[in-house]
Protein backbone atom coordinates (compact mmCIF):
# COMPACT_ATOMS: atom_id res chain seq x y z
CA MET A 1 -29.78 -32.01 10.87
CA ASP A 2 -32.73 -33.49 8.94
CA VAL A 3 -33.18 -33.41 5.17
CA ALA A 4 -35.78 -30.60 5.28
CA THR A 5 -33.41 -28.37 7.21
CA GLU A 6 -30.60 -29.04 4.74
CA VAL A 7 -32.88 -28.17 1.81
CA ARG A 8 -34.00 -24.93 3.47
CA GLN A 9 -30.40 -23.86 4.07
CA GLU A 10 -29.41 -24.70 0.49
CA VAL A 11 -32.29 -22.56 -0.84
CA PHE A 12 -31.26 -19.71 1.48
CA THR A 13 -27.67 -19.91 0.21
CA ASP A 14 -28.79 -20.02 -3.42
CA LYS A 15 -30.91 -16.90 -2.99
CA ILE A 16 -28.14 -14.71 -1.61
CA GLY A 17 -25.47 -16.13 -3.91
CA LYS A 18 -21.90 -17.23 -3.37
CA PRO A 19 -19.11 -14.69 -3.94
CA GLY A 20 -16.07 -15.90 -5.82
CA CYS A 21 -12.45 -14.88 -5.91
CA GLY A 22 -11.31 -16.09 -9.35
CA LYS A 23 -11.60 -12.68 -11.01
CA GLN A 24 -9.79 -11.04 -8.13
CA VAL A 25 -6.91 -13.50 -8.34
CA LEU A 26 -6.58 -12.90 -12.08
CA PHE A 27 -6.75 -9.14 -11.60
CA VAL A 28 -3.94 -9.17 -9.03
CA ALA A 29 -1.79 -11.57 -11.07
CA PHE A 30 -2.09 -9.81 -14.43
CA GLY A 31 -2.27 -6.36 -12.86
CA SER A 32 1.00 -6.89 -11.02
CA LEU A 33 2.59 -8.32 -14.17
CA LEU A 34 1.60 -5.28 -16.23
CA LEU A 35 2.64 -2.95 -13.43
CA VAL A 36 6.15 -4.41 -13.14
CA SER A 37 6.52 -4.44 -16.94
CA TYR A 38 5.55 -0.77 -17.19
CA ALA A 39 7.84 0.20 -14.31
CA ALA A 40 10.79 -1.69 -15.79
CA GLN A 41 10.32 -0.09 -19.20
CA ARG A 42 9.99 3.41 -17.75
CA THR A 43 13.13 2.85 -15.68
CA ASN A 44 15.04 1.76 -18.79
CA LEU A 45 13.83 4.79 -20.76
CA GLU A 46 14.74 7.27 -18.03
CA THR A 47 18.12 5.66 -17.48
CA GLU A 48 18.88 5.86 -21.19
CA TYR A 49 17.79 9.51 -21.23
CA TRP A 50 20.16 10.46 -18.41
CA LYS A 51 23.01 8.43 -19.90
CA ARG A 52 22.71 10.36 -23.13
CA LYS A 53 22.36 13.67 -21.32
CA LEU A 54 25.55 13.08 -19.36
CA SER A 55 27.42 11.89 -22.45
CA ALA A 56 26.36 15.01 -24.36
CA SER A 57 27.36 17.36 -21.53
CA SER A 58 31.08 16.60 -21.79
CA ASN A 59 33.50 14.79 -24.06
CA THR A 60 35.00 13.04 -21.04
CA TRP A 61 31.76 11.15 -20.36
CA THR A 62 31.27 7.81 -22.09
CA SER A 63 28.66 5.15 -21.46
CA ALA A 64 31.32 2.81 -20.11
CA LEU A 65 32.45 5.33 -17.47
CA ILE A 66 29.02 6.44 -16.22
CA THR A 67 27.91 4.97 -12.89
CA ASN A 68 24.61 4.89 -11.03
CA LEU A 69 25.95 7.54 -8.67
CA ASP A 70 26.66 9.84 -11.63
CA LEU A 71 23.10 9.42 -12.89
CA LYS A 72 21.60 10.10 -9.48
CA ARG A 73 23.75 13.19 -8.98
CA ALA A 74 22.67 14.53 -12.37
CA ARG A 75 18.99 13.94 -11.53
CA GLN A 76 19.38 15.59 -8.14
CA ALA A 77 21.11 18.62 -9.67
CA GLU A 78 18.28 18.96 -12.19
CA PHE A 79 15.72 18.63 -9.42
CA VAL A 80 17.38 21.30 -7.25
CA LYS A 81 17.59 23.64 -10.24
CA GLY A 82 13.87 23.17 -10.89
CA VAL A 83 13.01 23.96 -7.26
CA ARG A 84 15.19 27.08 -7.32
CA ASP A 85 13.59 28.30 -10.54
CA TRP A 86 10.13 27.77 -9.06
CA PHE A 87 11.11 29.63 -5.89
CA ALA A 88 12.42 32.54 -7.97
CA GLU A 89 9.05 32.76 -9.76
CA ALA A 90 7.25 32.56 -6.43
CA GLN A 91 9.39 35.41 -5.12
CA VAL A 92 8.10 37.63 -7.91
CA SER A 93 4.53 36.90 -6.82
CA ILE A 94 5.42 37.44 -3.16
CA GLN A 95 6.56 40.97 -3.97
CA GLN A 96 2.90 41.77 -4.63
CA PHE A 97 2.06 40.98 -0.99
CA PRO A 98 1.91 43.67 1.71
CA THR A 99 5.35 44.49 3.09
CA LEU A 100 4.58 42.92 6.45
CA LEU A 101 3.69 39.56 4.87
CA ARG A 102 6.56 39.26 2.39
CA ALA A 103 9.14 38.00 4.86
CA TRP A 104 6.64 35.55 6.38
CA ALA A 105 5.63 34.15 2.99
CA ALA A 106 9.22 33.78 1.77
CA GLY A 107 10.31 32.22 5.06
CA GLY A 108 7.40 29.78 4.97
CA LEU A 109 8.32 28.64 1.47
CA VAL A 110 11.94 28.11 2.47
CA ALA A 111 10.85 26.13 5.55
CA VAL A 112 8.87 23.79 3.28
CA LEU A 113 11.18 23.58 0.27
CA GLN A 114 14.49 23.11 2.11
CA PRO A 115 13.54 19.79 3.79
CA TRP A 116 12.01 18.68 0.48
CA VAL A 117 15.29 19.31 -1.34
CA ASP A 118 17.46 17.83 1.41
CA ALA A 119 15.43 14.61 1.69
CA SER A 120 16.42 11.48 -0.19
CA GLU A 121 14.51 10.49 -3.29
CA GLY A 122 12.95 7.56 -1.45
CA LYS A 123 11.70 9.74 1.38
CA ARG A 124 10.22 12.28 -1.07
CA LEU A 125 8.40 9.46 -2.84
CA CYS A 126 6.94 8.23 0.46
CA TRP A 127 5.82 11.78 1.26
CA LYS A 128 4.03 11.92 -2.09
CA ILE A 129 2.20 8.69 -1.29
CA CYS A 130 1.20 10.12 2.09
CA MET A 131 -0.11 13.29 0.45
CA LEU A 132 -2.15 11.18 -1.98
CA ASN A 133 -3.61 9.18 0.90
CA ALA A 134 -4.45 12.39 2.76
CA ALA A 135 -6.19 13.79 -0.33
CA VAL A 136 -8.27 10.60 -0.69
CA TRP A 137 -9.17 10.71 3.01
CA ALA A 138 -10.27 14.35 2.66
CA ALA A 139 -12.31 13.50 -0.46
CA TRP A 140 -14.26 10.88 1.52
CA LYS A 141 -15.36 13.64 3.90
CA ILE A 142 -17.16 15.56 1.13
CA PRO A 143 -20.76 14.22 0.93
CA ARG A 144 -21.34 15.12 -2.72
CA TRP A 145 -18.29 13.09 -3.76
CA GLN A 146 -19.48 9.85 -2.15
CA SER A 147 -20.88 8.35 -5.35
CA PHE A 148 -17.80 9.43 -7.31
CA MET A 149 -15.46 7.81 -4.77
CA THR A 150 -17.01 4.35 -5.22
CA VAL A 151 -16.71 3.94 -8.99
CA PHE A 152 -13.05 2.88 -9.15
CA GLU A 153 -11.51 -0.59 -9.00
CA ARG A 154 -12.19 -1.92 -5.50
CA GLN A 155 -9.00 -3.96 -5.27
CA LEU A 156 -6.66 -1.12 -6.24
CA THR A 157 -7.97 2.03 -4.60
CA PRO A 158 -8.66 0.74 -1.04
CA ALA A 159 -4.90 0.94 -0.38
CA ASP A 160 -5.25 4.74 -0.60
CA SER A 161 -8.39 4.92 1.55
CA HIS A 162 -8.33 5.13 5.34
CA ARG A 163 -11.19 4.93 7.84
CA GLY A 164 -10.04 7.60 10.24
CA LEU A 165 -7.47 10.30 10.75
CA LEU A 166 -5.51 8.25 13.31
CA HIS A 167 -5.36 5.31 10.89
CA LEU A 168 -4.01 7.64 8.19
CA LEU A 169 -1.44 9.30 10.47
CA MET A 170 -0.06 6.01 11.80
CA ASN A 171 0.31 4.56 8.30
CA CYS A 172 2.01 7.70 6.99
CA LEU A 173 4.39 7.73 9.95
CA ALA A 174 5.34 4.09 9.31
CA LEU A 175 5.68 4.60 5.56
CA GLU A 176 7.93 7.64 5.98
CA GLY A 177 10.44 5.57 7.94
CA PHE A 178 10.23 2.03 6.62
CA GLY A 179 9.35 3.00 3.05
CA SER A 180 12.49 5.07 2.59
CA ALA A 181 14.59 2.25 4.09
CA ALA A 182 13.04 -0.29 1.70
CA TYR A 183 13.72 2.13 -1.17
CA HIS A 184 17.38 2.29 -0.14
CA TYR A 185 17.53 -1.51 -0.13
CA LEU A 186 16.18 -1.67 -3.68
CA VAL A 187 18.82 0.84 -4.81
CA LYS A 188 21.58 -1.15 -3.12
CA GLU A 189 20.42 -4.47 -4.55
CA GLU A 190 20.27 -3.10 -8.09
CA GLY A 191 24.00 -2.45 -7.89
CA ASN A 192 24.64 -6.05 -6.81
CA GLN A 193 22.80 -7.72 -9.70
CA LYS A 194 24.68 -9.58 -12.43
CA PRO A 195 25.13 -8.51 -15.14
CA PRO A 196 25.15 -4.93 -13.81
CA MET A 197 22.65 -2.48 -15.28
CA LEU A 198 22.60 1.27 -14.82
CA GLU A 199 19.56 2.69 -13.03
CA SER A 200 18.97 6.42 -12.72
CA SER A 201 16.14 6.04 -10.20
CA ALA A 202 14.42 3.29 -8.20
CA SER A 203 11.14 5.22 -8.00
CA PHE A 204 9.27 3.07 -10.53
CA HIS A 205 10.69 -0.08 -8.96
CA PHE A 206 9.51 0.95 -5.49
CA MET A 207 6.05 1.95 -6.72
CA SER A 208 5.56 -1.37 -8.52
CA PHE A 209 6.64 -3.20 -5.35
CA PHE A 210 4.42 -1.08 -3.09
CA ILE A 211 1.27 -1.29 -5.24
CA SER A 212 1.74 -5.02 -5.86
CA ALA A 213 2.11 -5.57 -2.12
CA GLY A 214 -1.13 -3.66 -1.52
CA LEU A 215 -2.92 -5.73 -4.16
CA PHE A 216 -1.65 -9.02 -2.75
CA SER A 217 -2.49 -8.20 0.87
CA GLY A 218 -5.99 -7.10 -0.16
CA LEU A 219 -6.40 -10.32 -2.14
CA VAL A 220 -5.46 -12.42 0.89
CA SER A 221 -8.09 -10.63 2.96
CA HIS A 222 -10.70 -11.07 0.20
CA VAL A 223 -10.02 -14.80 -0.22
CA VAL A 224 -10.30 -15.38 3.53
CA SER A 225 -13.57 -13.44 3.62
CA THR A 226 -15.15 -15.29 0.71
CA LYS A 227 -13.94 -18.79 1.60
CA PHE A 228 -14.17 -18.73 5.39
CA ARG A 229 -15.92 -15.71 6.92
CA TYR A 230 -18.80 -15.53 4.44
CA PRO A 231 -19.84 -19.23 4.58
CA ARG A 232 -19.70 -19.07 8.38
CA ALA A 233 -21.94 -15.99 8.45
CA VAL A 234 -24.39 -17.58 5.97
CA ALA A 235 -24.64 -20.70 8.09
CA GLN A 236 -25.46 -18.61 11.15
CA PHE A 237 -28.08 -16.57 9.31
CA ALA A 238 -29.62 -19.74 7.87
CA ALA A 239 -29.82 -21.25 11.34
CA GLN A 240 -31.66 -18.14 12.56
CA ALA A 241 -34.09 -18.28 9.64
CA HIS A 242 -34.82 -21.95 10.36
CA GLY A 243 -35.45 -21.21 14.03
CA THR A 244 -38.25 -18.67 13.34
CA LYS A 245 -41.74 -20.14 13.92
CA LYS A 246 -45.18 -18.86 13.02
CA ALA A 247 -47.19 -17.49 16.02
CA ASP A 248 -50.63 -19.19 16.08
CA THR A 249 -51.50 -18.50 19.72
CA TRP A 250 -50.74 -15.88 22.35
CA ALA A 251 -48.25 -18.20 23.99
CA SER A 252 -46.49 -18.86 20.71
CA ALA A 253 -46.44 -15.11 19.99
CA VAL A 254 -44.69 -14.48 23.30
CA SER A 255 -42.29 -17.29 22.47
CA ALA A 256 -41.66 -15.81 19.01
CA ALA A 257 -40.99 -12.39 20.52
CA SER A 258 -38.47 -13.93 22.87
CA GLY A 259 -36.95 -15.75 19.93
CA THR A 260 -36.69 -12.50 17.98
CA ALA A 261 -34.86 -10.87 20.87
CA ALA A 262 -32.52 -13.82 21.08
CA SER A 263 -32.03 -13.65 17.33
CA THR A 264 -31.07 -9.99 17.64
CA VAL A 265 -28.45 -10.90 20.20
CA THR A 266 -27.22 -13.69 17.94
CA LYS A 267 -26.89 -11.31 15.00
CA LYS A 268 -24.67 -9.11 17.08
CA SER A 269 -22.44 -12.13 17.65
CA ILE A 270 -22.01 -12.61 13.90
CA PRO A 271 -18.90 -10.62 12.89
CA ASP A 272 -19.25 -8.07 10.13
CA ILE A 273 -17.34 -8.75 6.91
CA LEU A 274 -15.65 -5.41 6.39
CA PRO A 275 -13.65 -4.29 3.34
CA SER A 276 -9.88 -4.08 3.51
CA LEU A 277 -8.92 -0.41 3.71
CA GLY A 278 -5.64 1.42 4.05
CA ALA A 279 -2.04 0.88 3.03
CA SER A 280 -1.21 -1.26 6.08
CA GLY A 281 -0.61 -4.41 4.02
CA ALA A 282 1.78 -2.63 1.66
CA ILE A 283 3.52 -0.92 4.58
CA TYR A 284 3.90 -4.29 6.29
CA ALA A 285 5.79 -5.44 3.19
CA THR A 286 8.19 -2.49 3.49
CA VAL A 287 8.64 -3.22 7.21
CA VAL A 288 9.54 -6.86 6.55
CA VAL A 289 11.93 -5.94 3.72
CA THR A 290 13.63 -3.42 6.01
CA ALA A 291 13.92 -5.95 8.84
CA LEU A 292 15.48 -8.57 6.56
CA ALA A 293 17.76 -6.13 4.73
CA PHE A 294 19.00 -4.29 7.82
CA PRO A 295 18.80 -6.85 10.67
CA GLN A 296 20.96 -4.79 13.04
CA SER A 297 18.63 -1.79 12.93
CA GLN A 298 16.58 -0.77 15.95
CA ILE A 299 13.05 0.58 16.17
CA ALA A 300 11.00 2.30 18.85
CA LEU A 301 7.39 3.34 19.14
CA PHE A 302 6.72 7.03 18.59
CA ILE A 303 3.31 6.87 20.29
CA PRO A 304 3.66 5.93 23.10
CA PRO A 305 7.42 6.53 23.46
CA SER A 306 9.38 3.35 24.13
CA TYR A 307 12.91 2.00 24.33
CA PRO A 308 14.49 0.88 21.05
CA ILE A 309 14.57 -2.83 20.27
CA ASN A 310 16.03 -4.89 17.46
CA ILE A 311 13.90 -4.51 14.33
CA GLN A 312 13.54 -8.26 13.79
CA TYR A 313 12.22 -8.76 17.31
CA GLY A 314 9.78 -5.90 16.73
CA VAL A 315 8.54 -7.28 13.42
CA GLY A 316 8.29 -10.77 14.90
CA GLY A 317 6.15 -9.33 17.68
CA LEU A 318 3.85 -7.63 15.17
CA VAL A 319 3.42 -10.85 13.18
CA LEU A 320 2.72 -12.76 16.40
CA LEU A 321 0.16 -10.13 17.43
CA ASP A 322 -1.65 -10.45 14.09
CA THR A 323 -1.59 -14.24 14.36
CA ILE A 324 -3.15 -14.04 17.82
CA GLY A 325 -5.69 -11.56 16.45
CA ILE A 326 -6.75 -14.07 13.80
CA LEU A 327 -7.01 -16.93 16.29
CA ARG A 328 -8.94 -14.79 18.78
CA GLY A 329 -11.21 -13.24 16.17
CA TRP A 330 -10.17 -9.64 16.75
CA ARG A 331 -11.77 -7.26 14.25
CA VAL A 332 -10.12 -3.91 14.98
CA PHE A 333 -7.49 -4.44 12.25
CA ASP A 334 -7.41 -6.52 9.10
CA HIS A 335 -4.92 -9.06 10.43
CA TRP A 336 -5.06 -11.23 7.30
CA ALA A 337 -4.06 -8.28 5.12
CA HIS A 338 -1.18 -7.55 7.49
CA LEU A 339 0.10 -11.12 7.26
CA GLY A 340 -0.38 -11.08 3.49
CA GLY A 341 1.80 -7.98 3.28
CA ALA A 342 4.41 -9.60 5.53
CA VAL A 343 4.55 -12.70 3.31
CA PHE A 344 4.84 -10.53 0.20
CA GLY A 345 7.68 -8.53 1.77
CA ALA A 346 9.62 -11.67 2.69
CA ALA A 347 9.14 -13.12 -0.79
CA TYR A 348 10.19 -9.85 -2.43
CA TYR A 349 13.32 -9.67 -0.30
CA ALA A 350 14.27 -13.16 -1.47
CA TYR A 351 13.32 -12.93 -5.15
CA GLY A 352 12.17 -9.40 -5.98
CA PRO A 353 15.47 -7.80 -7.11
CA THR A 354 16.28 -10.80 -9.33
CA VAL A 355 12.82 -10.73 -10.94
CA TRP A 356 13.09 -6.96 -11.43
CA GLN A 357 16.46 -7.40 -13.15
CA ALA A 358 14.97 -10.05 -15.46
CA PHE A 359 12.12 -7.71 -16.45
CA ARG A 360 14.53 -4.87 -17.15
CA GLN A 361 16.72 -7.09 -19.31
CA ALA A 362 13.72 -8.42 -21.23
CA LEU A 363 12.45 -4.89 -21.90
CA GLU A 364 15.83 -3.26 -22.49
CA ILE A 365 15.77 -0.79 -25.37
CA GLN A 366 18.85 -0.56 -27.54
CA MET A 367 18.80 3.00 -28.85
CA PRO A 368 21.17 3.93 -31.70
CA GLU A 369 24.10 6.12 -30.78
CA LYS A 370 24.09 9.70 -31.98
CA GLN A 371 26.37 10.41 -34.88
């Protein structure tokens, strides 16, 4: 390449600018730090609240005798009572319905509320995340909300946005299974930490893990796009711009037209740099945590139906598939975000519970005993 060509490409690059990733790295680092700090403090406050509530309910309860199971049972009893009270109020409203519809309305409520009450806390939390994702997907379908939907932080909210209904359904199906298993692992590991600390709920812990995993996987995809995909695309566009010649004669005009057609074909060969959307990276983290925490578990595809296989073989196959997708240049899925989520999940399995315990200890609140 001669000097003139190099100068032309440098000017082309300067005009369109060079995206960076420094701000994004800082956002993910400090955002995750603040998120874990907030979650640890809220967990400590809620645990202290339920400890005091149990101690006040009976003279036989003391702080030294209360266990995590006692706290969780108390929370579940309070939750069930709240659902029953709400159902009783709904029954009053149902009495205003026509006689033919009363039984249907009451039966429909029971059909929805009973599985909600019977489900574990981790599964209910995953269902809430799925409902949030479904609401965001529905909001994208409303034309007048398009400008409103693009004003939020691009690194945080894409984890709740999905391109299509199938993408949303597959992610929700995976989250419902693997998310609740990862939640159970976090609960189990909290009881194994030294020194032991009471924990009334792992909801804040799971949410900090899940959101941080989504941020990290999105950051990996962004860094790859800015440092590798973008420069490659700019070089290809610059080469096309350099190849365009001015048409002085009829022959050169025909040649230019042919060059334009060839350029159009070349543009199609340049891969689009698409944003990272969906919770796939965060879900990958829950899948990896589940595979490492419960290595004897088995998984099977729901669509299409398949025979069960060991979870670690299944996860290894998924990671291999994403690696091949990167090497082959497949663009159907964001393979870099998937691998980023897998790395985050493996790291969290190894160090996450210990780091969480350290944050809780650092933010522990010593509240004075009631007189």
